C-alpha cells in the first residue's frame, strides 16, 4: 500500500533569526511523499527571501510550495490560506521558530495508519527550548492512547495545556476536519481552540509520547496572544455552562458534526 501524501506547513512572519533552522528541519524529514508549504505573512526582515533561497537550493524528494500573501492576513487568515493549498491527507504544523525531529512526520503517519486513519487529530510530546535553543522543560503527554470523549474533556480542549499538558503546535489534523468545517471565520481566536474541538466532534484524538519537536518559548505567537486566550476563555465558559444545562436537561450530549457545526463555526 502506498504511503499517504502528507502536508507539512509553516506560517512565517518576521522570524529570520529562527526560520533557517525551522525550515531545515522540515526539509530533513525522512517521510515521503511529503508536501511542504510555507505561507509568508508579508515579512519585512528578510524571512521570505531566506526561505526562497533555501527552497531553490533544495535537491531532495519533497514537494515545496512557497507562497507570499499580498497583505498581512494575520495568523488565522494565513492558516486559512494553507487550507486552500494543501493536498495531503494529514496537515502537520511546524512553527517558524520550532524545530521538528527528522522522523516527526514518519512517526505521526505510522501511528495514524495503525489506527486505520480514524484519529482526526494527533498530538505529540515536545521538548521546550528557550530563545537560545537551550532545553528548559518538556510537554510529556504520557503513554500512547486515544482520548476518551466526554462533555468535560470536550470543553477542556479549548486550552490544550489544560487538557493533557501539551501545546497547540503539537497537533496534526486529518484533512477531514478542514473538508467538514472549512475556514476559521474569525481572526480573534486561538487556532487550536477551534481546530481541536472540530476534530473531537468528528473522531478520536490520538496522543503520542514521542518527543518529536522542539517548542520554542519566549518569542513566539503563544507568548504574544494571552489576550486572545482571555477572550476565548470567556466564550468557552459560556458555551460550557450552556452545554452543561443541556446535559442536565436531556441526560446526554450528542457528538455529531451536523448538529454541532454551527455552534463551533467561530
C-alpha atoms as a PDB file:
ATOM      1  CA  UNK A   1       0.000   0.000   0.000  1.00  0.00           C
ATOM      2  CA  UNK A   2       1.321   3.429  -0.949  1.00  0.00           C
ATOM      3  CA  UNK A   3       2.100   5.950   1.758  1.00  0.00           C
ATOM      4  CA  UNK A   4      -0.460   8.782   2.007  1.00  0.00           C
ATOM      5  CA  UNK A   5       0.562  12.257   0.861  1.00  0.00           C
ATOM      6  CA  UNK A   6       1.107  14.496   3.900  1.00  0.00           C
ATOM      7  CA  UNK A   7       1.247  18.287   4.118  1.00  0.00           C
ATOM      8  CA  UNK A   8       3.810  19.847   6.463  1.00  0.00           C
ATOM      9  CA  UNK A   9       3.338  23.605   6.680  1.00  0.00           C
ATOM     10  CA  UNK A  10       4.857  26.712   8.199  1.00  0.00           C
ATOM     11  CA  UNK A  11       3.348  30.175   8.629  1.00  0.00           C
ATOM     12  CA  UNK A  12       6.242  32.626   8.591  1.00  0.00           C
ATOM     13  CA  UNK A  13       6.354  36.249   9.687  1.00  0.00           C
ATOM     14  CA  UNK A  14       9.456  38.248  10.651  1.00  0.00           C
ATOM     15  CA  UNK A  15      11.326  35.345  12.226  1.00  0.00           C
ATOM     16  CA  UNK A  16      14.605  35.448  10.315  1.00  0.00           C
ATOM     17  CA  UNK A  17      16.678  34.603  13.393  1.00  0.00           C
ATOM     18  CA  UNK A  18      14.914  31.242  13.761  1.00  0.00           C
ATOM     19  CA  UNK A  19      13.432  30.364  10.378  1.00  0.00           C
ATOM     20  CA  UNK A  20      16.549  28.791   8.830  1.00  0.00           C
ATOM     21  CA  UNK A  21      16.705  26.102  11.499  1.00  0.00           C
ATOM     22  CA  UNK A  22      12.925  25.645  11.396  1.00  0.00           C
ATOM     23  CA  UNK A  23      12.774  25.278   7.601  1.00  0.00           C
ATOM     24  CA  UNK A  24      15.822  22.981   7.534  1.00  0.00           C
ATOM     25  CA  UNK A  25      14.080  20.654   9.968  1.00  0.00           C
ATOM     26  CA  UNK A  26      11.152  20.447   7.533  1.00  0.00           C
ATOM     27  CA  UNK A  27      13.405  19.687   4.569  1.00  0.00           C
ATOM     28  CA  UNK A  28      15.184  16.950   6.551  1.00  0.00           C
ATOM     29  CA  UNK A  29      12.026  14.888   7.166  1.00  0.00           C
ATOM     30  CA  UNK A  30      12.523  11.214   6.353  1.00  0.00           C
ATOM     31  CA  UNK A  31       8.911  10.621   5.323  1.00  0.00           C
ATOM     32  CA  UNK A  32       7.767  10.547   1.705  1.00  0.00           C
ATOM     33  CA  UNK A  33       5.619  11.606  -0.106  1.00  0.00           C
ATOM     34  CA  UNK A  34       5.669  14.963   1.648  1.00  0.00           C
ATOM     35  CA  UNK A  35       4.305  18.314   0.536  1.00  0.00           C
ATOM     36  CA  UNK A  36       5.956  21.278   2.297  1.00  0.00           C
ATOM     37  CA  UNK A  37       4.040  24.559   2.247  1.00  0.00           C
ATOM     38  CA  UNK A  38       5.370  27.873   3.554  1.00  0.00           C
ATOM     39  CA  UNK A  39       2.971  30.801   3.592  1.00  0.00           C
ATOM     40  CA  UNK A  40       4.593  34.121   4.486  1.00  0.00           C
ATOM     41  CA  UNK A  41       2.615  36.957   6.017  1.00  0.00           C
ATOM     42  CA  UNK A  42       4.419  39.947   4.492  1.00  0.00           C
ATOM     43  CA  UNK A  43       7.702  39.608   6.404  1.00  0.00           C
ATOM     44  CA  UNK A  44       9.887  42.708   6.283  1.00  0.00           C
ATOM     45  CA  UNK A  45      13.088  41.369   7.881  1.00  0.00           C
ATOM     46  CA  UNK A  46      14.303  39.074   5.084  1.00  0.00           C
ATOM     47  CA  UNK A  47      12.490  35.952   6.311  1.00  0.00           C
ATOM     48  CA  UNK A  48      10.715  35.357   2.991  1.00  0.00           C
ATOM     49  CA  UNK A  49      13.859  35.890   0.917  1.00  0.00           C
ATOM     50  CA  UNK A  50      15.811  33.419   3.085  1.00  0.00           C
ATOM     51  CA  UNK A  51      13.103  30.782   2.682  1.00  0.00           C
ATOM     52  CA  UNK A  52      13.115  31.326  -1.089  1.00  0.00           C
ATOM     53  CA  UNK A  53      16.880  30.825  -1.252  1.00  0.00           C
ATOM     54  CA  UNK A  54      16.715  27.626   0.779  1.00  0.00           C
ATOM     55  CA  UNK A  55      13.844  26.249  -1.313  1.00  0.00           C
ATOM     56  CA  UNK A  56      15.679  26.961  -4.571  1.00  0.00           C
ATOM     57  CA  UNK A  57      18.800  25.202  -3.281  1.00  0.00           C
ATOM     58  CA  UNK A  58      16.907  22.111  -2.115  1.00  0.00           C
ATOM     59  CA  UNK A  59      17.512  18.978  -4.228  1.00  0.00           C
ATOM     60  CA  UNK A  60      15.596  16.392  -2.193  1.00  0.00           C
ATOM     61  CA  UNK A  61      12.395  14.409  -2.810  1.00  0.00           C
ATOM     62  CA  UNK A  62       9.860  16.652  -1.084  1.00  0.00           C
ATOM     63  CA  UNK A  63       7.413  18.892  -2.952  1.00  0.00           C
ATOM     64  CA  UNK A  64       7.924  22.509  -1.878  1.00  0.00           C
ATOM     65  CA  UNK A  65       5.405  25.307  -2.315  1.00  0.00           C
ATOM     66  CA  UNK A  66       6.297  28.829  -1.199  1.00  0.00           C
ATOM     67  CA  UNK A  67       3.591  31.491  -1.067  1.00  0.00           C
ATOM     68  CA  UNK A  68       3.577  35.120  -0.008  1.00  0.00           C
ATOM     69  CA  UNK A  69       0.394  36.961   0.836  1.00  0.00           C
ATOM     70  CA  UNK A  70      -0.250  40.292  -0.889  1.00  0.00           C
ATOM     71  CA  UNK A  71      -1.189  41.695   2.520  1.00  0.00           C
ATOM     72  CA  UNK A  72      -0.799  40.568   6.106  1.00  0.00           C
ATOM     73  CA  UNK A  73      -3.749  38.232   6.743  1.00  0.00           C
ATOM     74  CA  UNK A  74      -2.852  37.574  10.365  1.00  0.00           C
ATOM     75  CA  UNK A  75      -2.159  34.109  11.745  1.00  0.00           C
ATOM     76  CA  UNK A  76      -5.666  32.701  11.274  1.00  0.00           C
ATOM     77  CA  UNK A  77      -6.055  34.217   7.805  1.00  0.00           C
ATOM     78  CA  UNK A  78      -2.713  32.768   6.791  1.00  0.00           C
ATOM     79  CA  UNK A  79      -3.749  29.363   8.139  1.00  0.00           C
ATOM     80  CA  UNK A  80      -6.975  29.518   6.130  1.00  0.00           C
ATOM     81  CA  UNK A  81      -4.880  30.100   3.029  1.00  0.00           C
ATOM     82  CA  UNK A  82      -2.891  26.932   3.743  1.00  0.00           C
ATOM     83  CA  UNK A  83      -6.212  25.076   3.948  1.00  0.00           C
ATOM     84  CA  UNK A  84      -6.829  26.035   0.311  1.00  0.00           C
ATOM     85  CA  UNK A  85      -3.337  24.997  -0.801  1.00  0.00           C
ATOM     86  CA  UNK A  86      -2.930  21.663   0.976  1.00  0.00           C
ATOM     87  CA  UNK A  87      -3.313  18.372  -0.885  1.00  0.00           C
ATOM     88  CA  UNK A  88      -2.234  15.931   1.823  1.00  0.00           C
ATOM     89  CA  UNK A  89      -4.425  13.602   3.871  1.00  0.00           C
ATOM     90  CA  UNK A  90      -2.795  14.925   7.049  1.00  0.00           C
ATOM     91  CA  UNK A  91      -1.920  18.524   7.925  1.00  0.00           C
ATOM     92  CA  UNK A  92       1.072  18.954  10.260  1.00  0.00           C
ATOM     93  CA  UNK A  93       2.386  22.245  11.636  1.00  0.00           C
ATOM     94  CA  UNK A  94       5.963  23.420  12.016  1.00  0.00           C
ATOM     95  CA  UNK A  95       6.036  26.903  13.563  1.00  0.00           C
ATOM     96  CA  UNK A  96       8.599  29.332  12.160  1.00  0.00           C
ATOM     97  CA  UNK A  97      10.625  29.185  15.381  1.00  0.00           C
ATOM     98  CA  UNK A  98      10.200  25.469  16.212  1.00  0.00           C
ATOM     99  CA  UNK A  99      12.364  22.512  15.168  1.00  0.00           C
ATOM    100  CA  UNK A 100      10.957  19.156  14.052  1.00  0.00           C
ATOM    101  CA  UNK A 101      12.864  15.931  14.584  1.00  0.00           C
ATOM    102  CA  UNK A 102      13.671  14.173  11.261  1.00  0.00           C
ATOM    103  CA  UNK A 103      11.201  11.348  11.973  1.00  0.00           C
ATOM    104  CA  UNK A 104       8.343  13.560  13.172  1.00  0.00           C
ATOM    105  CA  UNK A 105       6.123  13.149  10.112  1.00  0.00           C
ATOM    106  CA  UNK A 106       7.011   9.461   9.697  1.00  0.00           C
ATOM    107  CA  UNK A 107       6.116   8.661  13.306  1.00  0.00           C
ATOM    108  CA  UNK A 108       2.803  10.540  13.145  1.00  0.00           C
ATOM    109  CA  UNK A 109       1.772   8.830   9.910  1.00  0.00           C
ATOM    110  CA  UNK A 110       2.828   5.400  11.179  1.00  0.00           C
ATOM    111  CA  UNK A 111       0.601   5.779  14.248  1.00  0.00           C
ATOM    112  CA  UNK A 112      -2.295   7.259  12.290  1.00  0.00           C
ATOM    113  CA  UNK A 113      -2.284   4.362   9.834  1.00  0.00           C
ATOM    114  CA  UNK A 114      -2.040   1.864  12.714  1.00  0.00           C
ATOM    115  CA  UNK A 115      -5.406   3.163  13.919  1.00  0.00           C
ATOM    116  CA  UNK A 116      -6.853   2.864  10.377  1.00  0.00           C
ATOM    117  CA  UNK A 117      -6.683   6.653   9.857  1.00  0.00           C
ATOM    118  CA  UNK A 118      -9.585   7.094  12.289  1.00  0.00           C
ATOM    119  CA  UNK A 119      -7.987   9.724  14.580  1.00  0.00           C
ATOM    120  CA  UNK A 120      -8.960  13.196  13.372  1.00  0.00           C
ATOM    121  CA  UNK A 121      -6.127  14.790  15.341  1.00  0.00           C
ATOM    122  CA  UNK A 122      -2.770  13.570  16.644  1.00  0.00           C
ATOM    123  CA  UNK A 123      -0.785  15.281  19.395  1.00  0.00           C
ATOM    124  CA  UNK A 124       2.887  14.588  20.135  1.00  0.00           C
ATOM    125  CA  UNK A 125       5.202  15.317  23.042  1.00  0.00           C
ATOM    126  CA  UNK A 126       7.826  18.033  22.733  1.00  0.00           C
ATOM    127  CA  UNK A 127      10.983  19.451  24.244  1.00  0.00           C
ATOM    128  CA  UNK A 128      10.637  23.072  25.369  1.00  0.00           C
ATOM    129  CA  UNK A 129      13.547  25.318  24.373  1.00  0.00           C
ATOM    130  CA  UNK A 130      14.321  28.958  25.095  1.00  0.00           C
ATOM    131  CA  UNK A 131      15.260  31.683  22.611  1.00  0.00           C
ATOM    132  CA  UNK A 132      18.848  30.390  22.537  1.00  0.00           C
ATOM    133  CA  UNK A 133      17.703  26.846  21.761  1.00  0.00           C
ATOM    134  CA  UNK A 134      18.550  25.501  25.207  1.00  0.00           C
ATOM    135  CA  UNK A 135      16.194  22.866  26.706  1.00  0.00           C
ATOM    136  CA  UNK A 136      14.138  24.241  29.595  1.00  0.00           C
ATOM    137  CA  UNK A 137      11.450  21.571  30.001  1.00  0.00           C
ATOM    138  CA  UNK A 138       9.089  19.145  28.304  1.00  0.00           C
ATOM    139  CA  UNK A 139       5.487  18.711  27.289  1.00  0.00           C
ATOM    140  CA  UNK A 140       5.384  14.992  28.094  1.00  0.00           C
ATOM    141  CA  UNK A 141       1.988  13.571  27.131  1.00  0.00           C
ATOM    142  CA  UNK A 142       2.472  10.176  28.742  1.00  0.00           C
ATOM    143  CA  UNK A 143       1.562   6.846  27.190  1.00  0.00           C
ATOM    144  CA  UNK A 144       0.102   6.381  23.711  1.00  0.00           C
ATOM    145  CA  UNK A 145      -3.684   6.474  23.883  1.00  0.00           C
ATOM    146  CA  UNK A 146      -6.910   7.657  22.319  1.00  0.00           C
ATOM    147  CA  UNK A 147      -8.646  10.384  24.331  1.00  0.00           C
ATOM    148  CA  UNK A 148     -11.997   9.374  25.755  1.00  0.00           C
ATOM    149  CA  UNK A 149     -14.871  11.510  24.520  1.00  0.00           C
ATOM    150  CA  UNK A 150     -16.902  13.270  27.209  1.00  0.00           C
ATOM    151  CA  UNK A 151     -18.524  16.658  27.731  1.00  0.00           C
ATOM    152  CA  UNK A 152     -15.915  17.788  30.263  1.00  0.00           C
ATOM    153  CA  UNK A 153     -12.925  16.729  28.193  1.00  0.00           C
ATOM    154  CA  UNK A 154     -14.532  18.264  25.098  1.00  0.00           C
ATOM    155  CA  UNK A 155     -14.773  21.684  26.754  1.00  0.00           C
ATOM    156  CA  UNK A 156     -11.256  21.471  28.206  1.00  0.00           C
ATOM    157  CA  UNK A 157      -9.954  21.100  24.652  1.00  0.00           C
ATOM    158  CA  UNK A 158     -10.355  24.880  24.386  1.00  0.00           C
ATOM    159  CA  UNK A 159      -6.970  25.038  26.085  1.00  0.00           C
ATOM    160  CA  UNK A 160      -4.714  22.124  25.063  1.00  0.00           C
ATOM    161  CA  UNK A 161      -2.478  22.744  28.080  1.00  0.00           C
ATOM    162  CA  UNK A 162      -5.478  22.199  30.328  1.00  0.00           C
ATOM    163  CA  UNK A 163      -6.483  19.013  28.548  1.00  0.00           C
ATOM    164  CA  UNK A 164      -3.305  16.972  28.571  1.00  0.00           C
ATOM    165  CA  UNK A 165      -0.307  19.202  29.283  1.00  0.00           C
ATOM    166  CA  UNK A 166       0.623  19.843  25.664  1.00  0.00           C
ATOM    167  CA  UNK A 167       0.664  22.711  23.190  1.00  0.00           C
ATOM    168  CA  UNK A 168      -1.432  23.566  20.151  1.00  0.00           C
ATOM    169  CA  UNK A 169       1.710  23.447  17.997  1.00  0.00           C
ATOM    170  CA  UNK A 170       1.908  19.711  18.713  1.00  0.00           C
ATOM    171  CA  UNK A 171      -1.171  18.817  16.664  1.00  0.00           C
ATOM    172  CA  UNK A 172      -1.634  17.204  13.283  1.00  0.00           C
ATOM    173  CA  UNK A 173      -5.115  17.134  11.722  1.00  0.00           C
ATOM    174  CA  UNK A 174      -6.895  14.891   9.274  1.00  0.00           C
ATOM    175  CA  UNK A 175      -7.999  16.665   6.096  1.00  0.00           C
ATOM    176  CA  UNK A 176     -11.476  15.510   7.062  1.00  0.00           C
ATOM    177  CA  UNK A 177     -11.561  18.305   9.660  1.00  0.00           C
ATOM    178  CA  UNK A 178     -10.859  21.002   7.061  1.00  0.00           C
ATOM    179  CA  UNK A 179     -13.215  19.474   4.485  1.00  0.00           C
ATOM    180  CA  UNK A 180     -16.061  19.283   7.013  1.00  0.00           C
ATOM    181  CA  UNK A 181     -15.824  22.685   8.674  1.00  0.00           C
ATOM    182  CA  UNK A 182     -13.943  24.880   6.196  1.00  0.00           C
ATOM    183  CA  UNK A 183     -12.029  28.008   7.238  1.00  0.00           C
ATOM    184  CA  UNK A 184     -11.870  29.560  10.689  1.00  0.00           C
ATOM    185  CA  UNK A 185     -14.210  32.520  10.382  1.00  0.00           C
ATOM    186  CA  UNK A 186     -12.793  34.971  12.917  1.00  0.00           C
ATOM    187  CA  UNK A 187      -9.301  36.337  13.463  1.00  0.00           C
ATOM    188  CA  UNK A 188      -9.868  36.792  17.187  1.00  0.00           C
ATOM    189  CA  UNK A 189      -9.328  33.286  18.474  1.00  0.00           C
ATOM    190  CA  UNK A 190      -6.572  30.774  19.028  1.00  0.00           C
ATOM    191  CA  UNK A 191      -6.482  28.396  16.062  1.00  0.00           C
ATOM    192  CA  UNK A 192      -6.005  25.295  18.206  1.00  0.00           C
ATOM    193  CA  UNK A 193      -9.003  26.221  20.377  1.00  0.00           C
ATOM    194  CA  UNK A 194     -11.127  25.851  17.245  1.00  0.00           C
ATOM    195  CA  UNK A 195      -9.334  23.058  15.394  1.00  0.00           C
ATOM    196  CA  UNK A 196      -9.024  20.640  18.310  1.00  0.00           C
ATOM    197  CA  UNK A 197     -12.714  20.927  19.125  1.00  0.00           C
ATOM    198  CA  UNK A 198     -13.667  20.449  15.499  1.00  0.00           C
ATOM    199  CA  UNK A 199     -11.513  17.346  15.302  1.00  0.00           C
ATOM    200  CA  UNK A 200     -13.047  15.997  18.507  1.00  0.00           C
ATOM    201  CA  UNK A 201     -16.545  16.240  17.013  1.00  0.00           C
ATOM    202  CA  UNK A 202     -15.528  14.011  14.113  1.00  0.00           C
ATOM    203  CA  UNK A 203     -13.471  11.292  15.761  1.00  0.00           C
ATOM    204  CA  UNK A 204     -10.907  10.326  18.403  1.00  0.00           C
ATOM    205  CA  UNK A 205      -7.718  12.245  19.215  1.00  0.00           C
ATOM    206  CA  UNK A 206      -4.526  10.213  19.351  1.00  0.00           C
ATOM    207  CA  UNK A 207      -1.824  11.064  21.908  1.00  0.00           C
ATOM    208  CA  UNK A 208       1.785  10.041  21.231  1.00  0.00           C
ATOM    209  CA  UNK A 209       4.572  10.070  23.862  1.00  0.00           C
ATOM    210  CA  UNK A 210       7.402  10.636  21.361  1.00  0.00           C
ATOM    211  CA  UNK A 211       9.408  13.868  21.704  1.00  0.00           C
ATOM    212  CA  UNK A 212       9.080  14.822  18.045  1.00  0.00           C
ATOM    213  CA  UNK A 213       9.799  18.553  18.012  1.00  0.00           C
ATOM    214  CA  UNK A 214      11.375  21.391  19.929  1.00  0.00           C
ATOM    215  CA  UNK A 215       8.885  24.038  21.018  1.00  0.00           C
ATOM    216  CA  UNK A 216      10.404  27.491  21.448  1.00  0.00           C
ATOM    217  CA  UNK A 217       9.074  29.805  24.144  1.00  0.00           C
ATOM    218  CA  UNK A 218       9.722  33.458  24.900  1.00  0.00           C
ATOM    219  CA  UNK A 219       9.362  34.995  21.454  1.00  0.00           C
ATOM    220  CA  UNK A 220       6.589  33.229  19.541  1.00  0.00           C
ATOM    221  CA  UNK A 221       2.907  33.551  18.861  1.00  0.00           C
ATOM    222  CA  UNK A 222       1.799  31.785  22.039  1.00  0.00           C
ATOM    223  CA  UNK A 223       3.769  34.255  24.130  1.00  0.00           C
ATOM    224  CA  UNK A 224       2.046  37.221  22.483  1.00  0.00           C
ATOM    225  CA  UNK A 225      -1.570  36.132  22.392  1.00  0.00           C
ATOM    226  CA  UNK A 226      -2.584  35.980  26.063  1.00  0.00           C
ATOM    227  CA  UNK A 227      -5.376  38.493  25.403  1.00  0.00           C
ATOM    228  CA  UNK A 228      -6.788  36.242  22.690  1.00  0.00           C
ATOM    229  CA  UNK A 229      -6.817  33.338  25.140  1.00  0.00           C
ATOM    230  CA  UNK A 230      -8.564  35.535  27.721  1.00  0.00           C
ATOM    231  CA  UNK A 231     -11.381  36.312  25.258  1.00  0.00           C
ATOM    232  CA  UNK A 232     -11.580  32.667  24.219  1.00  0.00           C
ATOM    233  CA  UNK A 233     -11.821  31.568  27.855  1.00  0.00           C
ATOM    234  CA  UNK A 234     -14.837  33.845  28.407  1.00  0.00           C
ATOM    235  CA  UNK A 235     -16.561  32.334  25.367  1.00  0.00           C
ATOM    236  CA  UNK A 236     -15.552  28.835  26.401  1.00  0.00           C
ATOM    237  CA  UNK A 237     -17.043  29.302  29.874  1.00  0.00           C
ATOM    238  CA  UNK A 238     -20.353  30.476  28.404  1.00  0.00           C
ATOM    239  CA  UNK A 239     -20.562  27.553  25.984  1.00  0.00           C
ATOM    240  CA  UNK A 240     -19.581  25.075  28.697  1.00  0.00           C
ATOM    241  CA  UNK A 241     -22.315  26.304  31.030  1.00  0.00           C
ATOM    242  CA  UNK A 242     -24.846  26.115  28.212  1.00  0.00           C
ATOM    243  CA  UNK A 243     -23.902  22.541  27.320  1.00  0.00           C
ATOM    244  CA  UNK A 244     -23.895  21.605  30.983  1.00  0.00           C
ATOM    245  CA  UNK A 245     -27.509  22.730  31.204  1.00  0.00           C
ATOM    246  CA  UNK A 246     -28.371  20.750  28.075  1.00  0.00           C
ATOM    247  CA  UNK A 247     -26.811  17.645  29.564  1.00  0.00           C
ATOM    248  CA  UNK A 248     -28.702  18.201  32.820  1.00  0.00           C
ATOM    249  CA  UNK A 249     -31.983  18.586  30.953  1.00  0.00           C
ATOM    250  CA  UNK A 250     -31.616  15.727  28.487  1.00  0.00           C
ATOM    251  CA  UNK A 251     -29.014  13.500  30.118  1.00  0.00           C
ATOM    252  CA  UNK A 252     -26.801  13.310  27.039  1.00  0.00           C
ATOM    253  CA  UNK A 253     -24.569  15.241  24.681  1.00  0.00           C
ATOM    254  CA  UNK A 254     -24.576  14.282  21.019  1.00  0.00           C
ATOM    255  CA  UNK A 255     -21.251  14.409  19.206  1.00  0.00           C
ATOM    256  CA  UNK A 256     -22.355  14.875  15.609  1.00  0.00           C
ATOM    257  CA  UNK A 257     -20.790  17.347  13.161  1.00  0.00           C
ATOM    258  CA  UNK A 258     -24.085  18.317  11.521  1.00  0.00           C
ATOM    259  CA  UNK A 259     -25.634  19.205  14.885  1.00  0.00           C
ATOM    260  CA  UNK A 260     -22.561  20.988  16.266  1.00  0.00           C
ATOM    261  CA  UNK A 261     -21.121  22.642  13.170  1.00  0.00           C
ATOM    262  CA  UNK A 262     -22.868  25.999  13.647  1.00  0.00           C
ATOM    263  CA  UNK A 263     -22.031  26.126  17.352  1.00  0.00           C
ATOM    264  CA  UNK A 264     -18.313  25.700  16.672  1.00  0.00           C
ATOM    265  CA  UNK A 265     -18.150  27.690  13.422  1.00  0.00           C
ATOM    266  CA  UNK A 266     -16.218  30.549  15.053  1.00  0.00           C
END
